[in-house]
Structures are given as C-alpha cells and as structure tokens.
Amino acid sequence: MAKYFGMKPVKIMEPEIDVALVKFKKLSVVAEVKWRDEVTKKEIKKWREN
C-alpha cells in the first residue's frame, strides 16, 4: 500500500493500528484489517460510505 500511495509506513502501537501511512510527516491513511472467509454486500456498501 505504501508503494501504491507513495507514502511511508509507520507503526502506531496505542491504539493498535494495522496500517498507517504518512506523507510529509502527516498521517494520511489508516486502516484496520479484518480476516474473514466471506464479506456480505451490505458490509461492502457500509465500508464505501465510510
């Protein structure tokens, strides 16, 4: 992801964040990873709205 967005990955321990990317020392992208076997269309719609 960092390469795709052209940003630098950083580690955030509290609260624990799975993905955190900075650009010019400013936090730009954060993401939480959830592992599942299936994802419903309703969940995808909710994520897109957020």
PDB file of N, CA and C in Angstrom:
ATOM      1  N   MET A   1       0.817  -1.190   0.000  1.00  0.00           N
ATOM      2  CA  MET A   1       0.000   0.000   0.000  1.00  0.00           C
ATOM      3  C   MET A   1       0.864   1.260   0.000  1.00  0.00           C
ATOM      4  N   ALA A   2       1.912   1.225   0.780  1.00  0.00           N
ATOM      5  CA  ALA A   2       2.776   2.401   0.867  1.00  0.00           C
ATOM      6  C   ALA A   2       3.343   2.760  -0.489  1.00  0.00           C
ATOM      7  N   LYS A   3       3.781   1.754  -1.232  1.00  0.00           N
ATOM      8  CA  LYS A   3       4.340   1.993  -2.564  1.00  0.00           C
ATOM      9  C   LYS A   3       3.270   2.548  -3.503  1.00  0.00           C
ATOM     10  N   TYR A   4       2.063   1.997  -3.439  1.00  0.00           N
ATOM     11  CA  TYR A   4       0.961   2.420  -4.294  1.00  0.00           C
ATOM     12  C   TYR A   4       0.624   3.897  -4.071  1.00  0.00           C
ATOM     13  N   PHE A   5       0.536   4.304  -2.797  1.00  0.00           N
ATOM     14  CA  PHE A   5       0.180   5.680  -2.471  1.00  0.00           C
ATOM     15  C   PHE A   5       1.388   6.619  -2.441  1.00  0.00           C
ATOM     16  N   GLY A   6       2.600   6.058  -2.524  1.00  0.00           N
ATOM     17  CA  GLY A   6       3.799   6.880  -2.473  1.00  0.00           C
ATOM     18  C   GLY A   6       4.023   7.482  -1.101  1.00  0.00           C
ATOM     19  N   MET A   7       3.729   6.711  -0.053  1.00  0.00           N
ATOM     20  CA  MET A   7       3.864   7.190   1.317  1.00  0.00           C
ATOM     21  C   MET A   7       4.779   6.263   2.107  1.00  0.00           C
ATOM     22  N   LYS A   8       5.057   6.653   3.348  1.00  0.00           N
ATOM     23  CA  LYS A   8       5.928   5.874   4.221  1.00  0.00           C
ATOM     24  C   LYS A   8       5.094   5.180   5.302  1.00  0.00           C
ATOM     25  N   PRO A   9       5.293   3.864   5.504  1.00  0.00           N
ATOM     26  CA  PRO A   9       4.564   3.173   6.571  1.00  0.00           C
ATOM     27  C   PRO A   9       5.160   3.503   7.939  1.00  0.00           C
ATOM     28  N   VAL A  10       4.288   3.630   8.940  1.00  0.00           N
ATOM     29  CA  VAL A  10       4.714   3.855  10.322  1.00  0.00           C
ATOM     30  C   VAL A  10       3.963   2.892  11.226  1.00  0.00           C
ATOM     31  N   LYS A  11       4.480   2.700  12.419  1.00  0.00           N
ATOM     32  CA  LYS A  11       3.858   1.795  13.384  1.00  0.00           C
ATOM     33  C   LYS A  11       3.212   2.613  14.492  1.00  0.00           C
ATOM     34  N   ILE A  12       1.926   2.354  14.730  1.00  0.00           N
ATOM     35  CA  ILE A  12       1.198   3.004  15.814  1.00  0.00           C
ATOM     36  C   ILE A  12       0.787   1.915  16.789  1.00  0.00           C
ATOM     37  N   MET A  13       1.282   2.001  18.005  1.00  0.00           N
ATOM     38  CA  MET A  13       1.038   0.950  18.990  1.00  0.00           C
ATOM     39  C   MET A  13      -0.202   1.203  19.845  1.00  0.00           C
ATOM     40  N   GLU A  14      -0.526   2.447  20.148  1.00  0.00           N
ATOM     41  CA  GLU A  14      -1.647   2.725  21.044  1.00  0.00           C
ATOM     42  C   GLU A  14      -2.521   3.806  20.463  1.00  0.00           C
ATOM     43  N   PRO A  15      -3.696   3.573  19.976  1.00  0.00           N
ATOM     44  CA  PRO A  15      -4.308   2.253  19.812  1.00  0.00           C
ATOM     45  C   PRO A  15      -3.628   1.509  18.669  1.00  0.00           C
ATOM     46  N   GLU A  16      -3.694   0.199  18.709  1.00  0.00           N
ATOM     47  CA  GLU A  16      -3.035  -0.612  17.691  1.00  0.00           C
ATOM     48  C   GLU A  16      -3.733  -0.431  16.341  1.00  0.00           C
ATOM     49  N   ILE A  17      -2.986   0.055  15.361  1.00  0.00           N
ATOM     50  CA  ILE A  17      -3.489   0.284  14.011  1.00  0.00           C
ATOM     51  C   ILE A  17      -2.739  -0.652  13.070  1.00  0.00           C
ATOM     52  N   ASP A  18      -3.467  -1.360  12.199  1.00  0.00           N
ATOM     53  CA  ASP A  18      -2.845  -2.313  11.281  1.00  0.00           C
ATOM     54  C   ASP A  18      -2.058  -1.626  10.164  1.00  0.00           C
ATOM     55  N   VAL A  19      -2.619  -0.569   9.600  1.00  0.00           N
ATOM     56  CA  VAL A  19      -1.955   0.145   8.505  1.00  0.00           C
ATOM     57  C   VAL A  19      -1.985   1.635   8.828  1.00  0.00           C
ATOM     58  N   ALA A  20      -0.818   2.264   8.801  1.00  0.00           N
ATOM     59  CA  ALA A  20      -0.722   3.710   8.994  1.00  0.00           C
ATOM     60  C   ALA A  20       0.338   4.233   8.029  1.00  0.00           C
ATOM     61  N   LEU A  21      -0.045   5.182   7.201  1.00  0.00           N
ATOM     62  CA  LEU A  21       0.871   5.757   6.213  1.00  0.00           C
ATOM     63  C   LEU A  21       0.952   7.262   6.417  1.00  0.00           C
ATOM     64  N   VAL A  22       2.171   7.781   6.295  1.00  0.00           N
ATOM     65  CA  VAL A  22       2.366   9.225   6.438  1.00  0.00           C
ATOM     66  C   VAL A  22       2.931   9.811   5.153  1.00  0.00           C
ATOM     67  N   LYS A  23       2.619  11.074   4.960  1.00  0.00           N
ATOM     68  CA  LYS A  23       3.148  11.832   3.829  1.00  0.00           C
ATOM     69  C   LYS A  23       3.607  13.175   4.386  1.00  0.00           C
ATOM     70  N   PHE A  24       4.889  13.476   4.230  1.00  0.00           N
ATOM     71  CA  PHE A  24       5.478  14.699   4.775  1.00  0.00           C
ATOM     72  C   PHE A  24       5.227  14.821   6.277  1.00  0.00           C
ATOM     73  N   LYS A  25       5.430  13.718   7.009  1.00  0.00           N
ATOM     74  CA  LYS A  25       5.293  13.623   8.471  1.00  0.00           C
ATOM     75  C   LYS A  25       3.866  13.863   8.958  1.00  0.00           C
ATOM     76  N   LYS A  26       2.896  13.776   8.072  1.00  0.00           N
ATOM     77  CA  LYS A  26       1.492  13.955   8.452  1.00  0.00           C
ATOM     78  C   LYS A  26       0.742  12.659   8.162  1.00  0.00           C
ATOM     79  N   LEU A  27       0.019  12.148   9.152  1.00  0.00           N
ATOM     80  CA  LEU A  27      -0.741  10.915   8.992  1.00  0.00           C
ATOM     81  C   LEU A  27      -1.813  11.111   7.930  1.00  0.00           C
ATOM     82  N   SER A  28      -1.790  10.264   6.899  1.00  0.00           N
ATOM     83  CA  SER A  28      -2.701  10.430   5.771  1.00  0.00           C
ATOM     84  C   SER A  28      -3.661   9.263   5.587  1.00  0.00           C
ATOM     85  N   VAL A  29      -3.193   8.025   5.853  1.00  0.00           N
ATOM     86  CA  VAL A  29      -4.021   6.842   5.633  1.00  0.00           C
ATOM     87  C   VAL A  29      -3.925   5.931   6.851  1.00  0.00           C
ATOM     88  N   VAL A  30      -5.073   5.495   7.372  1.00  0.00           N
ATOM     89  CA  VAL A  30      -5.113   4.473   8.416  1.00  0.00           C
ATOM     90  C   VAL A  30      -6.112   3.412   8.000  1.00  0.00           C
ATOM     91  N   ALA A  31      -5.819   2.157   8.382  1.00  0.00           N
ATOM     92  CA  ALA A  31      -6.714   1.058   8.011  1.00  0.00           C
ATOM     93  C   ALA A  31      -6.638  -0.043   9.059  1.00  0.00           C
ATOM     94  N   GLU A  32      -7.740  -0.717   9.222  1.00  0.00           N
ATOM     95  CA  GLU A  32      -7.840  -1.867  10.116  1.00  0.00           C
ATOM     96  C   GLU A  32      -8.121  -3.079   9.241  1.00  0.00           C
ATOM     97  N   VAL A  33      -7.414  -4.161   9.478  1.00  0.00           N
ATOM     98  CA  VAL A  33      -7.576  -5.372   8.675  1.00  0.00           C
ATOM     99  C   VAL A  33      -8.387  -6.392   9.463  1.00  0.00           C
ATOM    100  N   LYS A  34      -9.438  -6.895   8.840  1.00  0.00           N
ATOM    101  CA  LYS A  34     -10.275  -7.938   9.436  1.00  0.00           C
ATOM    102  C   LYS A  34     -10.225  -9.153   8.525  1.00  0.00           C
ATOM    103  N   TRP A  35      -9.833 -10.299   9.059  1.00  0.00           N
ATOM    104  CA  TRP A  35      -9.735 -11.512   8.264  1.00  0.00           C
ATOM    105  C   TRP A  35     -11.003 -12.311   8.403  1.00  0.00           C
ATOM    106  N   ARG A  36     -11.610 -12.675   7.266  1.00  0.00           N
ATOM    107  CA  ARG A  36     -12.841 -13.454   7.217  1.00  0.00           C
ATOM    108  C   ARG A  36     -12.845 -14.323   5.978  1.00  0.00           C
ATOM    109  N   ASP A  37     -13.728 -15.295   5.992  1.00  0.00           N
ATOM    110  CA  ASP A  37     -13.904 -16.126   4.812  1.00  0.00           C
ATOM    111  C   ASP A  37     -14.863 -15.483   3.817  1.00  0.00           C
ATOM    112  N   GLU A  38     -15.868 -14.757   4.318  1.00  0.00           N
ATOM    113  CA  GLU A  38     -16.865 -14.119   3.450  1.00  0.00           C
ATOM    114  C   GLU A  38     -17.142 -12.690   3.896  1.00  0.00           C
ATOM    115  N   VAL A  39     -17.500 -11.861   2.937  1.00  0.00           N
ATOM    116  CA  VAL A  39     -17.909 -10.488   3.199  1.00  0.00           C
ATOM    117  C   VAL A  39     -19.233 -10.271   2.472  1.00  0.00           C
ATOM    118  N   THR A  40     -20.212  -9.715   3.181  1.00  0.00           N
ATOM    119  CA  THR A  40     -21.524  -9.501   2.569  1.00  0.00           C
ATOM    120  C   THR A  40     -21.535  -8.203   1.754  1.00  0.00           C
ATOM    121  N   LYS A  41     -22.475  -8.112   0.835  1.00  0.00           N
ATOM    122  CA  LYS A  41     -22.629  -6.890   0.027  1.00  0.00           C
ATOM    123  C   LYS A  41     -22.983  -5.705   0.918  1.00  0.00           C
ATOM    124  N   LYS A  42     -23.750  -5.975   1.975  1.00  0.00           N
ATOM    125  CA  LYS A  42     -24.145  -4.924   2.908  1.00  0.00           C
ATOM    126  C   LYS A  42     -22.910  -4.321   3.594  1.00  0.00           C
ATOM    127  N   GLU A  43     -21.954  -5.178   3.985  1.00  0.00           N
ATOM    128  CA  GLU A  43     -20.725  -4.706   4.618  1.00  0.00           C
ATOM    129  C   GLU A  43     -19.894  -3.873   3.651  1.00  0.00           C
ATOM    130  N   ILE A  44     -19.797  -4.295   2.412  1.00  0.00           N
ATOM    131  CA  ILE A  44     -19.029  -3.554   1.405  1.00  0.00           C
ATOM    132  C   ILE A  44     -19.652  -2.172   1.189  1.00  0.00           C
ATOM    133  N   LYS A  45     -20.974  -2.110   1.123  1.00  0.00           N
ATOM    134  CA  LYS A  45     -21.665  -0.837   0.937  1.00  0.00           C
ATOM    135  C   LYS A  45     -21.368   0.096   2.114  1.00  0.00           C
ATOM    136  N   LYS A  46     -21.383  -0.454   3.327  1.00  0.00           N
ATOM    137  CA  LYS A  46     -21.114   0.350   4.525  1.00  0.00           C
ATOM    138  C   LYS A  46     -19.685   0.882   4.493  1.00  0.00           C
ATOM    139  N   TRP A  47     -18.701   0.050   4.084  1.00  0.00           N
ATOM    140  CA  TRP A  47     -17.317   0.482   4.015  1.00  0.00           C
ATOM    141  C   TRP A  47     -17.141   1.597   2.996  1.00  0.00           C
ATOM    142  N   ARG A  48     -17.811   1.473   1.857  1.00  0.00           N
ATOM    143  CA  ARG A  48     -17.688   2.514   0.821  1.00  0.00           C
ATOM    144  C   ARG A  48     -18.251   3.843   1.296  1.00  0.00           C
ATOM    145  N   GLU A  49     -19.341   3.784   2.081  1.00  0.00           N
ATOM    146  CA  GLU A  49     -19.926   5.012   2.611  1.00  0.00           C
ATOM    147  C   GLU A  49     -18.982   5.705   3.580  1.00  0.00           C
ATOM    148  N   ASN A  50     -18.237   4.893   4.338  1.00  0.00           N
ATOM    149  CA  ASN A  50     -17.290   5.487   5.307  1.00  0.00           C
ATOM    150  C   ASN A  50     -16.087   6.028   4.577  1.00  0.00           C
TER     151      ASN A  50
END
